[in-house]
Amino acid sequence: MVTHNLTQRQYRGGKLASTGQKIIPLGGGVDTNTKNRLQNLENTITSQAEKLDQIAKLLNELSEKKSAS
């Protein structure tokens, strides 16, 4: 994977200063750390969605019991 330095260097007051741009990788696919973080996020979302479905089911059952009595 090739990295290109996109940092522009400027001299201000006789000192070297940076514009704040970052060095970024170009090409080469997705970073494995990013891929793992996204997978963990997807797993967490799936788990929370399942819990919310269970809560909704229990609330519906309670509502039906209250309306029947």
PDB file of N, CA and C in Angstrom:
ATOM      1  N   MET A   1       0.849  -1.158   0.000  1.00  0.00           N
ATOM      2  CA  MET A   1       0.000   0.000   0.000  1.00  0.00           C
ATOM      3  C   MET A   1       0.904   1.233   0.000  1.00  0.00           C
ATOM      4  N   VAL A   2       0.547   2.170  -0.812  1.00  0.00           N
ATOM      5  CA  VAL A   2       1.343   3.389  -0.961  1.00  0.00           C
ATOM      6  C   VAL A   2       0.710   4.500  -0.152  1.00  0.00           C
ATOM      7  N   THR A   3       1.532   5.271   0.548  1.00  0.00           N
ATOM      8  CA  THR A   3       1.026   6.450   1.266  1.00  0.00           C
ATOM      9  C   THR A   3       1.611   7.696   0.647  1.00  0.00           C
ATOM     10  N   HIS A   4       0.771   8.688   0.511  1.00  0.00           N
ATOM     11  CA  HIS A   4       1.222   9.948  -0.038  1.00  0.00           C
ATOM     12  C   HIS A   4       1.126  11.010   1.045  1.00  0.00           C
ATOM     13  N   ASN A   5       2.163  11.808   1.154  1.00  0.00           N
ATOM     14  CA  ASN A   5       2.150  12.889   2.125  1.00  0.00           C
ATOM     15  C   ASN A   5       1.499  14.105   1.487  1.00  0.00           C
ATOM     16  N   LEU A   6       0.315  14.459   1.990  1.00  0.00           N
ATOM     17  CA  LEU A   6      -0.424  15.585   1.437  1.00  0.00           C
ATOM     18  C   LEU A   6      -0.286  16.834   2.311  1.00  0.00           C
ATOM     19  N   THR A   7       0.630  16.785   3.259  1.00  0.00           N
ATOM     20  CA  THR A   7       0.820  17.915   4.149  1.00  0.00           C
ATOM     21  C   THR A   7       1.535  19.038   3.428  1.00  0.00           C
ATOM     22  N   GLN A   8       0.924  20.181   3.413  1.00  0.00           N
ATOM     23  CA  GLN A   8       1.555  21.338   2.791  1.00  0.00           C
ATOM     24  C   GLN A   8       2.374  22.053   3.857  1.00  0.00           C
ATOM     25  N   ARG A   9       3.592  22.311   3.571  1.00  0.00           N
ATOM     26  CA  ARG A   9       4.462  22.983   4.531  1.00  0.00           C
ATOM     27  C   ARG A   9       4.586  24.456   4.156  1.00  0.00           C
ATOM     28  N   GLN A  10       4.415  25.276   5.130  1.00  0.00           N
ATOM     29  CA  GLN A  10       4.523  26.715   4.915  1.00  0.00           C
ATOM     30  C   GLN A  10       5.454  27.287   5.975  1.00  0.00           C
ATOM     31  N   TYR A  11       6.076  28.372   5.615  1.00  0.00           N
ATOM     32  CA  TYR A  11       6.938  29.064   6.564  1.00  0.00           C
ATOM     33  C   TYR A  11       6.217  30.307   7.051  1.00  0.00           C
ATOM     34  N   ARG A  12       6.005  30.381   8.360  1.00  0.00           N
ATOM     35  CA  ARG A  12       5.349  31.541   8.957  1.00  0.00           C
ATOM     36  C   ARG A  12       6.283  32.103  10.018  1.00  0.00           C
ATOM     37  N   GLY A  13       6.660  33.315   9.854  1.00  0.00           N
ATOM     38  CA  GLY A  13       7.539  33.948  10.824  1.00  0.00           C
ATOM     39  C   GLY A  13       8.893  33.266  10.916  1.00  0.00           C
ATOM     40  N   GLY A  14       9.345  32.689   9.809  1.00  0.00           N
ATOM     41  CA  GLY A  14      10.639  32.023   9.801  1.00  0.00           C
ATOM     42  C   GLY A  14      10.607  30.605  10.338  1.00  0.00           C
ATOM     43  N   LYS A  15       9.410  30.106  10.761  1.00  0.00           N
ATOM     44  CA  LYS A  15       9.290  28.747  11.299  1.00  0.00           C
ATOM     45  C   LYS A  15       8.422  27.908  10.374  1.00  0.00           C
ATOM     46  N   LEU A  16       8.715  26.617  10.335  1.00  0.00           N
ATOM     47  CA  LEU A  16       7.954  25.686   9.512  1.00  0.00           C
ATOM     48  C   LEU A  16       6.603  25.422  10.176  1.00  0.00           C
ATOM     49  N   ALA A  17       5.523  25.544   9.418  1.00  0.00           N
ATOM     50  CA  ALA A  17       4.182  25.306   9.940  1.00  0.00           C
ATOM     51  C   ALA A  17       3.446  24.359   9.000  1.00  0.00           C
ATOM     52  N   SER A  18       2.469  23.657   9.527  1.00  0.00           N
ATOM     53  CA  SER A  18       1.663  22.736   8.726  1.00  0.00           C
ATOM     54  C   SER A  18       0.269  23.316   8.562  1.00  0.00           C
ATOM     55  N   THR A  19      -0.417  22.938   7.482  1.00  0.00           N
ATOM     56  CA  THR A  19      -1.782  23.413   7.248  1.00  0.00           C
ATOM     57  C   THR A  19      -2.805  22.530   7.944  1.00  0.00           C
ATOM     58  N   GLY A  20      -2.370  21.461   8.590  1.00  0.00           N
ATOM     59  CA  GLY A  20      -3.286  20.580   9.302  1.00  0.00           C
ATOM     60  C   GLY A  20      -3.764  19.411   8.476  1.00  0.00           C
ATOM     61  N   GLN A  21      -3.326  19.282   7.250  1.00  0.00           N
ATOM     62  CA  GLN A  21      -3.727  18.142   6.444  1.00  0.00           C
ATOM     63  C   GLN A  21      -3.021  16.900   6.950  1.00  0.00           C
ATOM     64  N   LYS A  22      -3.606  15.752   6.679  1.00  0.00           N
ATOM     65  CA  LYS A  22      -3.088  14.495   7.198  1.00  0.00           C
ATOM     66  C   LYS A  22      -2.496  13.642   6.086  1.00  0.00           C
ATOM     67  N   ILE A  23      -1.679  12.687   6.475  1.00  0.00           N
ATOM     68  CA  ILE A  23      -1.167  11.682   5.551  1.00  0.00           C
ATOM     69  C   ILE A  23      -2.227  10.594   5.466  1.00  0.00           C
ATOM     70  N   ILE A  24      -2.669  10.278   4.258  1.00  0.00           N
ATOM     71  CA  ILE A  24      -3.722   9.283   4.090  1.00  0.00           C
ATOM     72  C   ILE A  24      -3.255   8.177   3.157  1.00  0.00           C
ATOM     73  N   PRO A  25      -3.668   6.939   3.426  1.00  0.00           N
ATOM     74  CA  PRO A  25      -3.351   5.850   2.519  1.00  0.00           C
ATOM     75  C   PRO A  25      -4.276   5.900   1.301  1.00  0.00           C
ATOM     76  N   LEU A  26      -3.754   5.641   0.143  1.00  0.00           N
ATOM     77  CA  LEU A  26      -4.561   5.597  -1.065  1.00  0.00           C
ATOM     78  C   LEU A  26      -4.576   4.174  -1.593  1.00  0.00           C
ATOM     79  N   GLY A  27      -5.757   3.688  -1.927  1.00  0.00           N
ATOM     80  CA  GLY A  27      -5.880   2.341  -2.451  1.00  0.00           C
ATOM     81  C   GLY A  27      -5.626   1.310  -1.369  1.00  0.00           C
ATOM     82  N   GLY A  28      -5.497   0.074  -1.743  1.00  0.00           N
ATOM     83  CA  GLY A  28      -5.140  -0.976  -0.812  1.00  0.00           C
ATOM     84  C   GLY A  28      -6.280  -1.506   0.023  1.00  0.00           C
ATOM     85  N   GLY A  29      -7.491  -1.081  -0.174  1.00  0.00           N
ATOM     86  CA  GLY A  29      -8.621  -1.634   0.538  1.00  0.00           C
ATOM     87  C   GLY A  29      -8.868  -1.010   1.895  1.00  0.00           C
ATOM     88  N   VAL A  30      -9.678  -1.713   2.693  1.00  0.00           N
ATOM     89  CA  VAL A  30     -10.116  -1.219   3.990  1.00  0.00           C
ATOM     90  C   VAL A  30      -9.125  -1.652   5.065  1.00  0.00           C
ATOM     91  N   ASP A  31      -8.831  -0.762   5.971  1.00  0.00           N
ATOM     92  CA  ASP A  31      -7.972  -1.049   7.113  1.00  0.00           C
ATOM     93  C   ASP A  31      -8.633  -2.125   7.976  1.00  0.00           C
ATOM     94  N   THR A  32      -7.870  -3.131   8.433  1.00  0.00           N
ATOM     95  CA  THR A  32      -8.450  -4.226   9.221  1.00  0.00           C
ATOM     96  C   THR A  32      -8.999  -3.728  10.555  1.00  0.00           C
ATOM     97  N   ASN A  33      -8.361  -2.727  11.144  1.00  0.00           N
ATOM     98  CA  ASN A  33      -8.867  -2.178  12.404  1.00  0.00           C
ATOM     99  C   ASN A  33     -10.244  -1.550  12.189  1.00  0.00           C
ATOM    100  N   THR A  34     -10.404  -0.823  11.108  1.00  0.00           N
ATOM    101  CA  THR A  34     -11.694  -0.210  10.789  1.00  0.00           C
ATOM    102  C   THR A  34     -12.738  -1.284  10.520  1.00  0.00           C
ATOM    103  N   LYS A  35     -12.343  -2.323   9.815  1.00  0.00           N
ATOM    104  CA  LYS A  35     -13.256  -3.423   9.505  1.00  0.00           C
ATOM    105  C   LYS A  35     -13.738  -4.100  10.788  1.00  0.00           C
ATOM    106  N   ASN A  36     -12.829  -4.325  11.740  1.00  0.00           N
ATOM    107  CA  ASN A  36     -13.205  -4.948  13.008  1.00  0.00           C
ATOM    108  C   ASN A  36     -14.138  -4.051  13.816  1.00  0.00           C
ATOM    109  N   ARG A  37     -13.859  -2.745  13.816  1.00  0.00           N
ATOM    110  CA  ARG A  37     -14.714  -1.810  14.550  1.00  0.00           C
ATOM    111  C   ARG A  37     -16.113  -1.783  13.960  1.00  0.00           C
ATOM    112  N   LEU A  38     -16.215  -1.807  12.622  1.00  0.00           N
ATOM    113  CA  LEU A  38     -17.524  -1.818  11.977  1.00  0.00           C
ATOM    114  C   LEU A  38     -18.281  -3.109  12.283  1.00  0.00           C
ATOM    115  N   GLN A  39     -17.572  -4.237  12.300  1.00  0.00           N
ATOM    116  CA  GLN A  39     -18.211  -5.518  12.608  1.00  0.00           C
ATOM    117  C   GLN A  39     -18.733  -5.520  14.041  1.00  0.00           C
ATOM    118  N   ASN A  40     -17.936  -4.988  14.973  1.00  0.00           N
ATOM    119  CA  ASN A  40     -18.384  -4.906  16.365  1.00  0.00           C
ATOM    120  C   ASN A  40     -19.612  -4.010  16.495  1.00  0.00           C
ATOM    121  N   LEU A  41     -19.622  -2.914  15.765  1.00  0.00           N
ATOM    122  CA  LEU A  41     -20.768  -2.008  15.778  1.00  0.00           C
ATOM    123  C   LEU A  41     -22.013  -2.695  15.227  1.00  0.00           C
ATOM    124  N   GLU A  42     -21.869  -3.427  14.135  1.00  0.00           N
ATOM    125  CA  GLU A  42     -22.996  -4.147  13.554  1.00  0.00           C
ATOM    126  C   GLU A  42     -23.524  -5.195  14.522  1.00  0.00           C
ATOM    127  N   ASN A  43     -22.628  -5.905  15.222  1.00  0.00           N
ATOM    128  CA  ASN A  43     -23.043  -6.917  16.198  1.00  0.00           C
ATOM    129  C   ASN A  43     -23.811  -6.278  17.350  1.00  0.00           C
ATOM    130  N   THR A  44     -23.329  -5.134  17.822  1.00  0.00           N
ATOM    131  CA  THR A  44     -24.000  -4.431  18.909  1.00  0.00           C
ATOM    132  C   THR A  44     -25.395  -3.982  18.486  1.00  0.00           C
ATOM    133  N   ILE A  45     -25.501  -3.447  17.288  1.00  0.00           N
ATOM    134  CA  ILE A  45     -26.799  -2.985  16.782  1.00  0.00           C
ATOM    135  C   ILE A  45     -27.775  -4.149  16.650  1.00  0.00           C
ATOM    136  N   THR A  46     -27.296  -5.274  16.145  1.00  0.00           N
ATOM    137  CA  THR A  46     -28.137  -6.455  15.994  1.00  0.00           C
ATOM    138  C   THR A  46     -28.632  -6.938  17.352  1.00  0.00           C
ATOM    139  N   SER A  47     -27.729  -6.970  18.326  1.00  0.00           N
ATOM    140  CA  SER A  47     -28.085  -7.403  19.676  1.00  0.00           C
ATOM    141  C   SER A  47     -29.135  -6.478  20.284  1.00  0.00           C
ATOM    142  N   GLN A  48     -28.959  -5.178  20.136  1.00  0.00           N
ATOM    143  CA  GLN A  48     -29.920  -4.228  20.686  1.00  0.00           C
ATOM    144  C   GLN A  48     -31.267  -4.329  19.979  1.00  0.00           C
ATOM    145  N   ALA A  49     -31.253  -4.580  18.678  1.00  0.00           N
ATOM    146  CA  ALA A  49     -32.502  -4.724  17.935  1.00  0.00           C
ATOM    147  C   ALA A  49     -33.276  -5.943  18.430  1.00  0.00           C
ATOM    148  N   GLU A  50     -32.563  -7.040  18.716  1.00  0.00           N
ATOM    149  CA  GLU A  50     -33.218  -8.243  19.232  1.00  0.00           C
ATOM    150  C   GLU A  50     -33.830  -7.972  20.607  1.00  0.00           C
ATOM    151  N   LYS A  51     -33.092  -7.244  21.461  1.00  0.00           N
ATOM    152  CA  LYS A  51     -33.614  -6.910  22.791  1.00  0.00           C
ATOM    153  C   LYS A  51     -34.851  -6.026  22.671  1.00  0.00           C
ATOM    154  N   LEU A  52     -34.817  -5.062  21.773  1.00  0.00           N
ATOM    155  CA  LEU A  52     -35.985  -4.190  21.582  1.00  0.00           C
ATOM    156  C   LEU A  52     -37.192  -4.972  21.066  1.00  0.00           C
ATOM    157  N   ASP A  53     -36.950  -5.950  20.205  1.00  0.00           N
ATOM    158  CA  ASP A  53     -38.045  -6.791  19.714  1.00  0.00           C
ATOM    159  C   ASP A  53     -38.677  -7.576  20.858  1.00  0.00           C
ATOM    160  N   GLN A  54     -37.844  -8.093  21.772  1.00  0.00           N
ATOM    161  CA  GLN A  54     -38.363  -8.834  22.919  1.00  0.00           C
ATOM    162  C   GLN A  54     -39.179  -7.914  23.828  1.00  0.00           C
ATOM    163  N   ILE A  55     -38.695  -6.707  24.057  1.00  0.00           N
ATOM    164  CA  ILE A  55     -39.413  -5.750  24.896  1.00  0.00           C
ATOM    165  C   ILE A  55     -40.760  -5.402  24.260  1.00  0.00           C
ATOM    166  N   ALA A  56     -40.769  -5.169  22.958  1.00  0.00           N
ATOM    167  CA  ALA A  56     -42.020  -4.846  22.260  1.00  0.00           C
ATOM    168  C   ALA A  56     -43.005  -6.008  22.355  1.00  0.00           C
ATOM    169  N   LYS A  57     -42.498  -7.216  22.232  1.00  0.00           N
ATOM    170  CA  LYS A  57     -43.361  -8.399  22.328  1.00  0.00           C
ATOM    171  C   LYS A  57     -43.979  -8.491  23.725  1.00  0.00           C
ATOM    172  N   LEU A  58     -43.163  -8.282  24.767  1.00  0.00           N
ATOM    173  CA  LEU A  58     -43.677  -8.338  26.136  1.00  0.00           C
ATOM    174  C   LEU A  58     -44.702  -7.231  26.390  1.00  0.00           C
ATOM    175  N   LEU A  59     -44.428  -6.032  25.883  1.00  0.00           N
ATOM    176  CA  LEU A  59     -45.379  -4.931  26.052  1.00  0.00           C
ATOM    177  C   LEU A  59     -46.695  -5.209  25.338  1.00  0.00           C
ATOM    178  N   ASN A  60     -46.630  -5.822  24.171  1.00  0.00           N
ATOM    179  CA  ASN A  60     -47.855  -6.165  23.448  1.00  0.00           C
ATOM    180  C   ASN A  60     -48.665  -7.201  24.218  1.00  0.00           C
ATOM    181  N   GLU A  61     -47.972  -8.181  24.810  1.00  0.00           N
ATOM    182  CA  GLU A  61     -48.666  -9.202  25.597  1.00  0.00           C
ATOM    183  C   GLU A  61     -49.337  -8.583  26.815  1.00  0.00           C
ATOM    184  N   LEU A  62     -48.635  -7.653  27.491  1.00  0.00           N
ATOM    185  CA  LEU A  62     -49.230  -6.968  28.640  1.00  0.00           C
ATOM    186  C   LEU A  62     -50.442  -6.150  28.231  1.00  0.00           C
ATOM    187  N   SER A  63     -50.331  -5.478  27.100  1.00  0.00           N
ATOM    188  CA  SER A  63     -51.431  -4.657  26.609  1.00  0.00           C
ATOM    189  C   SER A  63     -52.647  -5.518  26.292  1.00  0.00           C
ATOM    190  N   GLU A  64     -52.426  -6.685  25.692  1.00  0.00           N
ATOM    191  CA  GLU A  64     -53.535  -7.584  25.365  1.00  0.00           C
ATOM    192  C   GLU A  64     -54.186  -8.113  26.640  1.00  0.00           C
ATOM    193  N   LYS A  65     -53.389  -8.433  27.652  1.00  0.00           N
ATOM    194  CA  LYS A  65     -53.948  -8.941  28.908  1.00  0.00           C
ATOM    195  C   LYS A  65     -54.778  -7.865  29.608  1.00  0.00           C
ATOM    196  N   LYS A  66     -54.301  -6.613  29.577  1.00  0.00           N
ATOM    197  CA  LYS A  66     -55.036  -5.512  30.221  1.00  0.00           C
ATOM    198  C   LYS A  66     -56.354  -5.248  29.490  1.00  0.00           C
ATOM    199  N   SER A  67     -56.314  -5.299  28.176  1.00  0.00           N
ATOM    200  CA  SER A  67     -57.532  -5.000  27.417  1.00  0.00           C
ATOM    201  C   SER A  67     -58.538  -6.155  27.540  1.00  0.00           C
ATOM    202  N   ALA A  68     -58.071  -7.373  27.794  1.00  0.00           N
ATOM    203  CA  ALA A  68     -58.964  -8.508  27.931  1.00  0.00           C
ATOM    204  C   ALA A  68     -59.652  -8.508  29.304  1.00  0.00           C
ATOM    205  N   SER A  69     -58.997  -7.920  30.278  1.00  0.00           N
ATOM    206  CA  SER A  69     -59.592  -7.946  31.635  1.00  0.00           C
ATOM    207  C   SER A  69     -60.401  -6.719  31.959  1.00  0.00           C
TER     208      SER A  69
END
